[in-house]
Amino acid sequence: MKYITLIATFLIFISCKEEQKVHKGVTKLPYFNSADFTPNWDKGVHKIPAFSFTNQEDETITNKTFEGKIYIADFFFTSCPGICPKLTKNMGKIQKTYEQDEDILLLSHTVMPWRDSVPVLKDYALRNGVNNEKWHLVTGDKEVLYHMARAGYFADEDFVKTQDESNFIHTENFILVDKQGFIRGVYNGTLPLDVERLYRHIDILKQES
């Protein structure tokens, strides 16, 4: 009987350890340090580089704007008839979900800065219910924006195929960035299921922080 009790105690101990492993696995997000998005569970190496863009309110937006914040970044253009309306709609839903949460911000970069001037972004923001305190639509120099998309956020899937720096950027990615500037998740911003996964990962990231 004594041995049976010991065995039962040992099995319970092992079971608890396994539960802790599983629990740990779902309460920590990986880091993404390269364009192939191989998850690294140990540490972040790649941080979003320093940037300076102009938003829809003609304000300068930099890394300082997002210091100590979790944010979701994407790339779009205002005249896009394809995926961009879906991206904007889903970013709008994210904005509404976290409208009272000061720790969450949104950042949308235009990939057509020669058209998307500050007034154009302002009009787009008004038409899509953008909260200027929560969601920044930014424009700037084309080369800088494209470099940021590719080298900063690993956002342009086609760049690996073409290696053409002038090639037009078109990506469906939402990129989740933590309070330290590390990439912690990548999602298809046109798919409701992936947006739901983003919500879950934001909750995990907030607990982790």
Foldseek 3Di string as FASTA:
>chain_A
DVVVVVVVVVVVVVVVVVVVVVVVVLLAFFFQADLVRDGHRPDFDAFQDWDWWAFLVRDIDIVVLLAQAKEKEEEEALPDPPQVVLLLLLVLVVCVVCVVPPRYAYEYEYLCQVPCDSPNRNVSCVVSVNDVSGYTYTYDDNLVSLCSCCVRQSFAPCCVVVVDSPDGGDGQWIWIAHNVRTTRDIFRSNDPVRSVVVVSVVVSRVSVD
